[in-house]
Full PDB file with SEQRES, HELIX, SHEET, SSBOND, CRYST1, ORIGX, SCALE, CONECT and MASTER records, all heavy atoms in Angstrom:
SEQRES   1 A   34  VAL THR ASN ALA GLY GLY SER GLN THR PHE THR ALA GLY          
SEQRES   2 A   34  GLN TYR ALA TYR VAL GLN ASP ALA SER THR LEU PRO ARG          
SEQRES   3 A   34  LEU LEU PRO GLY ASP PRO GLY LEU                              
SHEET    1 AA1 2 TYR A  15  TYR A  17  0                                        
SHEET    2 AA1 2 ARG A  26  LEU A  28 -1                                        
CRYST1    1.000    1.000    1.000  90.00  90.00  90.00 P 1           1          
ORIGX1      1.000000  0.000000  0.000000        0.00000                         
ORIGX2      0.000000  1.000000  0.000000        0.00000                         
ORIGX3      0.000000  0.000000  1.000000        0.00000                         
SCALE1      1.000000  0.000000  0.000000        0.00000                         
SCALE2      0.000000  1.000000  0.000000        0.00000                         
SCALE3      0.000000  0.000000  1.000000        0.00000                         
ATOM      1  N   VAL A   1      86.161  -3.817 -43.529  1.00  0.00           N  
ATOM      2  CA  VAL A   1      87.497  -4.096 -43.000  1.00  0.00           C  
ATOM      3  C   VAL A   1      88.323  -4.757 -44.098  1.00  0.00           C  
ATOM      4  O   VAL A   1      87.916  -5.786 -44.652  1.00  0.00           O  
ATOM      5  CB  VAL A   1      87.422  -5.001 -41.759  1.00  0.00           C  
ATOM      6  CG1 VAL A   1      88.815  -5.201 -41.166  1.00  0.00           C  
ATOM      7  CG2 VAL A   1      86.478  -4.402 -40.713  1.00  0.00           C  
ATOM      8  N   THR A   2      89.478  -4.164 -44.387  1.00  0.00           N  
ATOM      9  CA  THR A   2      90.295  -4.616 -45.512  1.00  0.00           C  
ATOM     10  C   THR A   2      91.743  -4.822 -45.096  1.00  0.00           C  
ATOM     11  O   THR A   2      92.298  -4.006 -44.355  1.00  0.00           O  
ATOM     12  CB  THR A   2      90.247  -3.582 -46.658  1.00  0.00           C  
ATOM     13  OG1 THR A   2      88.886  -3.352 -47.040  1.00  0.00           O  
ATOM     14  CG2 THR A   2      91.041  -4.059 -47.857  1.00  0.00           C  
ATOM     15  N   ASN A   3      92.332  -5.911 -45.579  1.00  0.00           N  
ATOM     16  CA  ASN A   3      93.773  -6.134 -45.431  1.00  0.00           C  
ATOM     17  C   ASN A   3      94.248  -7.003 -46.593  1.00  0.00           C  
ATOM     18  O   ASN A   3      93.515  -7.203 -47.573  1.00  0.00           O  
ATOM     19  CB  ASN A   3      94.112  -6.731 -44.065  1.00  0.00           C  
ATOM     20  CG  ASN A   3      93.564  -8.136 -43.882  1.00  0.00           C  
ATOM     21  OD1 ASN A   3      92.957  -8.715 -44.788  1.00  0.00           O  
ATOM     22  ND2 ASN A   3      93.761  -8.689 -42.698  1.00  0.00           N  
ATOM     23  N   ALA A   4      95.473  -7.542 -46.491  1.00  0.00           N  
ATOM     24  CA  ALA A   4      96.014  -8.338 -47.581  1.00  0.00           C  
ATOM     25  C   ALA A   4      95.226  -9.627 -47.813  1.00  0.00           C  
ATOM     26  O   ALA A   4      95.277 -10.212 -48.898  1.00  0.00           O  
ATOM     27  CB  ALA A   4      97.485  -8.672 -47.303  1.00  0.00           C  
ATOM     28  N   GLY A   5      94.480 -10.064 -46.808  1.00  0.00           N  
ATOM     29  CA  GLY A   5      93.689 -11.281 -46.939  1.00  0.00           C  
ATOM     30  C   GLY A   5      92.370 -11.087 -47.650  1.00  0.00           C  
ATOM     31  O   GLY A   5      91.731 -12.052 -48.076  1.00  0.00           O  
ATOM     32  N   GLY A   6      91.930  -9.849 -47.788  1.00  0.00           N  
ATOM     33  CA  GLY A   6      90.668  -9.559 -48.457  1.00  0.00           C  
ATOM     34  C   GLY A   6      89.873  -8.486 -47.739  1.00  0.00           C  
ATOM     35  O   GLY A   6      90.395  -7.780 -46.865  1.00  0.00           O  
ATOM     36  N   SER A   7      88.609  -8.375 -48.090  1.00  0.00           N  
ATOM     37  CA  SER A   7      87.743  -7.335 -47.530  1.00  0.00           C  
ATOM     38  C   SER A   7      86.407  -7.933 -47.125  1.00  0.00           C  
ATOM     39  O   SER A   7      85.845  -8.771 -47.848  1.00  0.00           O  
ATOM     40  CB  SER A   7      87.530  -6.228 -48.563  1.00  0.00           C  
ATOM     41  OG  SER A   7      86.710  -5.204 -48.047  1.00  0.00           O  
ATOM     42  N   GLN A   8      85.899  -7.504 -45.963  1.00  0.00           N  
ATOM     43  CA  GLN A   8      84.614  -7.984 -45.471  1.00  0.00           C  
ATOM     44  C   GLN A   8      83.836  -6.810 -44.893  1.00  0.00           C  
ATOM     45  O   GLN A   8      84.419  -5.891 -44.296  1.00  0.00           O  
ATOM     46  CB  GLN A   8      84.788  -9.050 -44.369  1.00  0.00           C  
ATOM     47  CG  GLN A   8      85.446 -10.339 -44.840  1.00  0.00           C  
ATOM     48  CD  GLN A   8      84.469 -11.280 -45.513  1.00  0.00           C  
ATOM     49  OE1 GLN A   8      83.406 -10.868 -45.959  1.00  0.00           O  
ATOM     50  NE2 GLN A   8      84.820 -12.551 -45.596  1.00  0.00           N  
ATOM     51  N   THR A   9      82.517  -6.846 -45.070  1.00  0.00           N  
ATOM     52  CA  THR A   9      81.639  -5.815 -44.518  1.00  0.00           C  
ATOM     53  C   THR A   9      80.872  -6.389 -43.334  1.00  0.00           C  
ATOM     54  O   THR A   9      80.358  -7.507 -43.399  1.00  0.00           O  
ATOM     55  CB  THR A   9      80.659  -5.304 -45.587  1.00  0.00           C  
ATOM     56  OG1 THR A   9      81.402  -4.717 -46.654  1.00  0.00           O  
ATOM     57  CG2 THR A   9      79.713  -4.264 -45.003  1.00  0.00           C  
ATOM     58  N   PHE A  10      80.801  -5.587 -42.265  1.00  0.00           N  
ATOM     59  CA  PHE A  10      80.094  -5.999 -41.048  1.00  0.00           C  
ATOM     60  C   PHE A  10      79.072  -4.921 -40.704  1.00  0.00           C  
ATOM     61  O   PHE A  10      79.338  -3.727 -40.853  1.00  0.00           O  
ATOM     62  CB  PHE A  10      81.077  -6.205 -39.905  1.00  0.00           C  
ATOM     63  CG  PHE A  10      82.174  -7.189 -40.238  1.00  0.00           C  
ATOM     64  CD1 PHE A  10      83.415  -6.734 -40.697  1.00  0.00           C  
ATOM     65  CD2 PHE A  10      81.962  -8.548 -40.134  1.00  0.00           C  
ATOM     66  CE1 PHE A  10      84.421  -7.625 -41.022  1.00  0.00           C  
ATOM     67  CE2 PHE A  10      82.965  -9.456 -40.458  1.00  0.00           C  
ATOM     68  CZ  PHE A  10      84.198  -8.992 -40.904  1.00  0.00           C  
ATOM     69  N   THR A  11      77.910  -5.356 -40.244  1.00  0.00           N  
ATOM     70  CA  THR A  11      76.797  -4.433 -39.995  1.00  0.00           C  
ATOM     71  C   THR A  11      76.425  -4.383 -38.519  1.00  0.00           C  
ATOM     72  O   THR A  11      76.993  -5.104 -37.691  1.00  0.00           O  
ATOM     73  CB  THR A  11      75.585  -4.835 -40.844  1.00  0.00           C  
ATOM     74  OG1 THR A  11      75.208  -6.184 -40.519  1.00  0.00           O  
ATOM     75  CG2 THR A  11      75.896  -4.763 -42.327  1.00  0.00           C  
ATOM     76  N   ALA A  12      75.449  -3.526 -38.207  1.00  0.00           N  
ATOM     77  CA  ALA A  12      75.046  -3.263 -36.818  1.00  0.00           C  
ATOM     78  C   ALA A  12      74.771  -4.548 -36.052  1.00  0.00           C  
ATOM     79  O   ALA A  12      74.077  -5.448 -36.537  1.00  0.00           O  
ATOM     80  CB  ALA A  12      73.824  -2.360 -36.804  1.00  0.00           C  
ATOM     81  N   GLY A  13      75.340  -4.617 -34.846  1.00  0.00           N  
ATOM     82  CA  GLY A  13      75.147  -5.763 -33.979  1.00  0.00           C  
ATOM     83  C   GLY A  13      76.155  -6.878 -34.179  1.00  0.00           C  
ATOM     84  O   GLY A  13      76.153  -7.859 -33.426  1.00  0.00           O  
ATOM     85  N   GLN A  14      77.041  -6.745 -35.165  1.00  0.00           N  
ATOM     86  CA  GLN A  14      78.000  -7.803 -35.443  1.00  0.00           C  
ATOM     87  C   GLN A  14      79.371  -7.515 -34.821  1.00  0.00           C  
ATOM     88  O   GLN A  14      79.764  -6.366 -34.646  1.00  0.00           O  
ATOM     89  CB  GLN A  14      78.158  -8.001 -36.961  1.00  0.00           C  
ATOM     90  CG  GLN A  14      76.903  -8.542 -37.621  1.00  0.00           C  
ATOM     91  CD  GLN A  14      77.104  -8.834 -39.098  1.00  0.00           C  
ATOM     92  OE1 GLN A  14      77.884  -8.182 -39.784  1.00  0.00           O  
ATOM     93  NE2 GLN A  14      76.388  -9.840 -39.595  1.00  0.00           N  
ATOM     94  N   TYR A  15      80.074  -8.611 -34.519  1.00  0.00           N  
ATOM     95  CA  TYR A  15      81.429  -8.549 -33.984  1.00  0.00           C  
ATOM     96  C   TYR A  15      82.373  -9.176 -35.009  1.00  0.00           C  
ATOM     97  O   TYR A  15      82.022 -10.172 -35.656  1.00  0.00           O  
ATOM     98  CB  TYR A  15      81.535  -9.305 -32.663  1.00  0.00           C  
ATOM     99  CG  TYR A  15      80.651  -8.764 -31.565  1.00  0.00           C  
ATOM    100  CD1 TYR A  15      79.319  -9.167 -31.462  1.00  0.00           C  
ATOM    101  CD2 TYR A  15      81.144  -7.859 -30.632  1.00  0.00           C  
ATOM    102  CE1 TYR A  15      78.495  -8.674 -30.460  1.00  0.00           C  
ATOM    103  CE2 TYR A  15      80.327  -7.361 -29.614  1.00  0.00           C  
ATOM    104  CZ  TYR A  15      79.008  -7.771 -29.544  1.00  0.00           C  
ATOM    105  OH  TYR A  15      78.193  -7.275 -28.554  1.00  0.00           O  
ATOM    106  N   ALA A  16      83.558  -8.615 -35.151  1.00  0.00           N  
ATOM    107  CA  ALA A  16      84.511  -9.110 -36.140  1.00  0.00           C  
ATOM    108  C   ALA A  16      85.896  -9.212 -35.523  1.00  0.00           C  
ATOM    109  O   ALA A  16      86.190  -8.592 -34.496  1.00  0.00           O  
ATOM    110  CB  ALA A  16      84.540  -8.187 -37.352  1.00  0.00           C  
ATOM    111  N   TYR A  17      86.730  -9.995 -36.190  1.00  0.00           N  
ATOM    112  CA  TYR A  17      88.084 -10.240 -35.675  1.00  0.00           C  
ATOM    113  C   TYR A  17      89.059 -10.353 -36.829  1.00  0.00           C  
ATOM    114  O   TYR A  17      88.769 -10.970 -37.857  1.00  0.00           O  
ATOM    115  CB  TYR A  17      88.099 -11.539 -34.858  1.00  0.00           C  
ATOM    116  CG  TYR A  17      89.475 -12.026 -34.466  1.00  0.00           C  
ATOM    117  CD1 TYR A  17      90.272 -11.292 -33.600  1.00  0.00           C  
ATOM    118  CD2 TYR A  17      89.963 -13.238 -34.964  1.00  0.00           C  
ATOM    119  CE1 TYR A  17      91.531 -11.744 -33.223  1.00  0.00           C  
ATOM    120  CE2 TYR A  17      91.222 -13.706 -34.594  1.00  0.00           C  
ATOM    121  CZ  TYR A  17      91.994 -12.956 -33.730  1.00  0.00           C  
ATOM    122  OH  TYR A  17      93.243 -13.403 -33.359  1.00  0.00           O  
ATOM    123  N   VAL A  18      90.234  -9.724 -36.671  1.00  0.00           N  
ATOM    124  CA  VAL A  18      91.318  -9.845 -37.644  1.00  0.00           C  
ATOM    125  C   VAL A  18      92.549 -10.341 -36.894  1.00  0.00           C  
ATOM    126  O   VAL A  18      93.057  -9.654 -36.007  1.00  0.00           O  
ATOM    127  CB  VAL A  18      91.623  -8.506 -38.333  1.00  0.00           C  
ATOM    128  CG1 VAL A  18      92.723  -8.695 -39.374  1.00  0.00           C  
ATOM    129  CG2 VAL A  18      90.380  -7.928 -38.990  1.00  0.00           C  
ATOM    130  N   GLN A  19      93.013 -11.514 -37.280  1.00  0.00           N  
ATOM    131  CA  GLN A  19      94.142 -12.125 -36.576  1.00  0.00           C  
ATOM    132  C   GLN A  19      95.460 -11.433 -36.892  1.00  0.00           C  
ATOM    133  O   GLN A  19      96.260 -11.129 -36.005  1.00  0.00           O  
ATOM    134  CB  GLN A  19      94.244 -13.606 -36.931  1.00  0.00           C  
ATOM    135  CG  GLN A  19      95.398 -14.335 -36.251  1.00  0.00           C  
ATOM    136  CD  GLN A  19      95.434 -15.804 -36.604  1.00  0.00           C  
ATOM    137  OE1 GLN A  19      94.442 -16.370 -37.061  1.00  0.00           O  
ATOM    138  NE2 GLN A  19      96.577 -16.434 -36.395  1.00  0.00           N  
ATOM    139  N   ASP A  20      95.702 -11.184 -38.194  1.00  0.00           N  
ATOM    140  CA  ASP A  20      96.942 -10.525 -38.613  1.00  0.00           C  
ATOM    141  C   ASP A  20      96.718  -9.877 -39.975  1.00  0.00           C  
ATOM    142  O   ASP A  20      95.619  -9.961 -40.545  1.00  0.00           O  
ATOM    143  CB  ASP A  20      98.109 -11.512 -38.655  1.00  0.00           C  
ATOM    144  CG  ASP A  20      97.817 -12.752 -39.499  1.00  0.00           C  
ATOM    145  OD1 ASP A  20      97.356 -12.591 -40.648  1.00  0.00           O  
ATOM    146  OD2 ASP A  20      98.023 -13.871 -39.006  1.00  0.00           O  
ATOM    147  N   ALA A  21      97.767  -9.263 -40.499  1.00  0.00           N  
ATOM    148  CA  ALA A  21      97.624  -8.460 -41.714  1.00  0.00           C  
ATOM    149  C   ALA A  21      97.329  -9.288 -42.959  1.00  0.00           C  
ATOM    150  O   ALA A  21      96.874  -8.743 -43.964  1.00  0.00           O  
ATOM    151  CB  ALA A  21      98.898  -7.641 -41.934  1.00  0.00           C  
ATOM    152  N   SER A  22      97.554 -10.601 -42.931  1.00  0.00           N  
ATOM    153  CA  SER A  22      97.343 -11.433 -44.119  1.00  0.00           C  
ATOM    154  C   SER A  22      96.145 -12.377 -43.991  1.00  0.00           C  
ATOM    155  O   SER A  22      95.864 -13.133 -44.914  1.00  0.00           O  
ATOM    156  CB  SER A  22      98.604 -12.250 -44.413  1.00  0.00           C  
ATOM    157  OG  SER A  22      98.945 -13.081 -43.319  1.00  0.00           O  
ATOM    158  N   THR A  23      95.454 -12.322 -42.863  1.00  0.00           N  
ATOM    159  CA  THR A  23      94.308 -13.206 -42.634  1.00  0.00           C  
ATOM    160  C   THR A  23      93.005 -12.457 -42.876  1.00  0.00           C  
ATOM    161  O   THR A  23      92.819 -11.347 -42.382  1.00  0.00           O  
ATOM    162  CB  THR A  23      94.315 -13.756 -41.195  1.00  0.00           C  
ATOM    163  OG1 THR A  23      95.541 -14.455 -40.959  1.00  0.00           O  
ATOM    164  CG2 THR A  23      93.153 -14.709 -40.970  1.00  0.00           C  
ATOM    165  N   LEU A  24      92.098 -13.069 -43.633  1.00  0.00           N  
ATOM    166  CA  LEU A  24      90.819 -12.442 -43.963  1.00  0.00           C  
ATOM    167  C   LEU A  24      90.038 -12.085 -42.696  1.00  0.00           C  
ATOM    168  O   LEU A  24      89.893 -12.914 -41.797  1.00  0.00           O  
ATOM    169  CB  LEU A  24      89.977 -13.401 -44.814  1.00  0.00           C  
ATOM    170  CG  LEU A  24      88.607 -12.889 -45.278  1.00  0.00           C  
ATOM    171  CD1 LEU A  24      88.773 -11.776 -46.299  1.00  0.00           C  
ATOM    172  CD2 LEU A  24      87.786 -14.038 -45.854  1.00  0.00           C  
ATOM    173  N   PRO A  25      89.538 -10.851 -42.592  1.00  0.00           N  
ATOM    174  CA  PRO A  25      88.678 -10.487 -41.457  1.00  0.00           C  
ATOM    175  C   PRO A  25      87.477 -11.430 -41.402  1.00  0.00           C  
ATOM    176  O   PRO A  25      86.916 -11.792 -42.438  1.00  0.00           O  
ATOM    177  CB  PRO A  25      88.246  -9.049 -41.791  1.00  0.00           C  
ATOM    178  CG  PRO A  25      89.313  -8.536 -42.708  1.00  0.00           C  
ATOM    179  CD  PRO A  25      89.756  -9.721 -43.517  1.00  0.00           C  
ATOM    180  N   ARG A  26      87.073 -11.825 -40.187  1.00  0.00           N  
ATOM    181  CA  ARG A  26      85.971 -12.786 -40.101  1.00  0.00           C  
ATOM    182  C   ARG A  26      84.938 -12.377 -39.064  1.00  0.00           C  
ATOM    183  O   ARG A  26      85.243 -11.687 -38.078  1.00  0.00           O  
ATOM    184  CB  ARG A  26      86.499 -14.184 -39.796  1.00  0.00           C  
ATOM    185  CG  ARG A  26      87.171 -14.366 -38.439  1.00  0.00           C  
ATOM    186  CD  ARG A  26      87.718 -15.778 -38.315  1.00  0.00           C  
ATOM    187  NE  ARG A  26      88.433 -16.009 -37.075  1.00  0.00           N  
ATOM    188  CZ  ARG A  26      87.858 -16.437 -35.945  1.00  0.00           C  
ATOM    189  NH1 ARG A  26      86.547 -16.658 -35.924  1.00  0.00           N  
ATOM    190  NH2 ARG A  26      88.588 -16.633 -34.863  1.00  0.00           N  
ATOM    191  N   LEU A  27      83.731 -12.822 -39.316  1.00  0.00           N  
ATOM    192  CA  LEU A  27      82.608 -12.563 -38.420  1.00  0.00           C  
ATOM    193  C   LEU A  27      82.678 -13.497 -37.231  1.00  0.00           C  
ATOM    194  O   LEU A  27      82.911 -14.709 -37.382  1.00  0.00           O  
ATOM    195  CB  LEU A  27      81.295 -12.776 -39.181  1.00  0.00           C  
ATOM    196  CG  LEU A  27      79.998 -12.621 -38.384  1.00  0.00           C  
ATOM    197  CD1 LEU A  27      79.804 -11.162 -37.967  1.00  0.00           C  
ATOM    198  CD2 LEU A  27      78.808 -13.105 -39.225  1.00  0.00           C  
ATOM    199  N   LEU A  28      82.463 -12.956 -36.028  1.00  0.00           N  
ATOM    200  CA  LEU A  28      82.409 -13.769 -34.819  1.00  0.00           C  
ATOM    201  C   LEU A  28      80.951 -14.131 -34.517  1.00  0.00           C  
ATOM    202  O   LEU A  28      80.038 -13.365 -34.844  1.00  0.00           O  
ATOM    203  CB  LEU A  28      83.020 -13.012 -33.642  1.00  0.00           C  
ATOM    204  CG  LEU A  28      84.516 -12.681 -33.756  1.00  0.00           C  
ATOM    205  CD1 LEU A  28      84.960 -11.846 -32.556  1.00  0.00           C  
ATOM    206  CD2 LEU A  28      85.355 -13.947 -33.870  1.00  0.00           C  
ATOM    207  N   PRO A  29      80.715 -15.260 -33.883  1.00  0.00           N  
ATOM    208  CA  PRO A  29      79.335 -15.660 -33.597  1.00  0.00           C  
ATOM    209  C   PRO A  29      78.638 -14.791 -32.554  1.00  0.00           C  
ATOM    210  O   PRO A  29      77.410 -14.809 -32.437  1.00  0.00           O  
ATOM    211  CB  PRO A  29      79.488 -17.100 -33.104  1.00  0.00           C  
ATOM    212  CG  PRO A  29      80.899 -17.183 -32.592  1.00  0.00           C  
ATOM    213  CD  PRO A  29      81.685 -16.283 -33.481  1.00  0.00           C  
ATOM    214  N   GLY A  30      79.405 -14.025 -31.791  1.00  0.00           N  
ATOM    215  CA  GLY A  30      78.827 -13.168 -30.759  1.00  0.00           C  
ATOM    216  C   GLY A  30      79.905 -12.359 -30.078  1.00  0.00           C  
ATOM    217  O   GLY A  30      81.048 -12.289 -30.545  1.00  0.00           O  
ATOM    218  N   ASP A  31      79.548 -11.748 -28.972  1.00  0.00           N  
ATOM    219  CA  ASP A  31      80.485 -10.938 -28.201  1.00  0.00           C  
ATOM    220  C   ASP A  31      81.680 -11.797 -27.789  1.00  0.00           C  
ATOM    221  O   ASP A  31      81.517 -12.824 -27.138  1.00  0.00           O  
ATOM    222  CB  ASP A  31      79.763 -10.390 -26.960  1.00  0.00           C  
ATOM    223  CG  ASP A  31      80.611  -9.394 -26.192  1.00  0.00           C  
ATOM    224  OD1 ASP A  31      81.842  -9.362 -26.380  1.00  0.00           O  
ATOM    225  OD2 ASP A  31      80.032  -8.642 -25.384  1.00  0.00           O  
ATOM    226  N   PRO A  32      82.894 -11.402 -28.133  1.00  0.00           N  
ATOM    227  CA  PRO A  32      84.064 -12.215 -27.784  1.00  0.00           C  
ATOM    228  C   PRO A  32      84.406 -12.191 -26.301  1.00  0.00           C  
ATOM    229  O   PRO A  32      85.253 -12.960 -25.839  1.00  0.00           O  
ATOM    230  CB  PRO A  32      85.186 -11.580 -28.610  1.00  0.00           C  
ATOM    231  CG  PRO A  32      84.755 -10.159 -28.785  1.00  0.00           C  
ATOM    232  CD  PRO A  32      83.254 -10.210 -28.920  1.00  0.00           C  
ATOM    233  N   GLY A  33      83.757 -11.296 -25.555  1.00  0.00           N  
ATOM    234  CA  GLY A  33      84.022 -11.221 -24.124  1.00  0.00           C  
ATOM    235  C   GLY A  33      84.724  -9.950 -23.702  1.00  0.00           C  
ATOM    236  O   GLY A  33      85.128  -9.807 -22.544  1.00  0.00           O  
ATOM    237  N   LEU A  34      84.844  -8.992 -24.616  1.00  0.00           N  
ATOM    238  CA  LEU A  34      85.414  -7.692 -24.283  1.00  0.00           C  
ATOM    239  C   LEU A  34      84.326  -6.791 -23.713  1.00  0.00           C  
ATOM    240  O   LEU A  34      83.159  -6.895 -24.093  1.00  0.00           O  
ATOM    241  CB  LEU A  34      86.019  -7.040 -25.523  1.00  0.00           C  
ATOM    242  CG  LEU A  34      87.269  -7.698 -26.093  1.00  0.00           C  
ATOM    243  CD1 LEU A  34      87.593  -7.122 -27.458  1.00  0.00           C  
ATOM    244  CD2 LEU A  34      88.451  -7.505 -25.150  1.00  0.00           C  
TER     245      LEU A  34                                                      
MASTER        0    0    0    0    2    0    0    6  244    1    0    3          
END                                                                             
């Protein structure tokens, strides 16, 4: 996942979140509830 904030790789079983176009994508500790 890439945007102006940087790039991060996420693998099987992981959840990730991107707040906006300038914030670095980040790993979530678990299912966010979706």
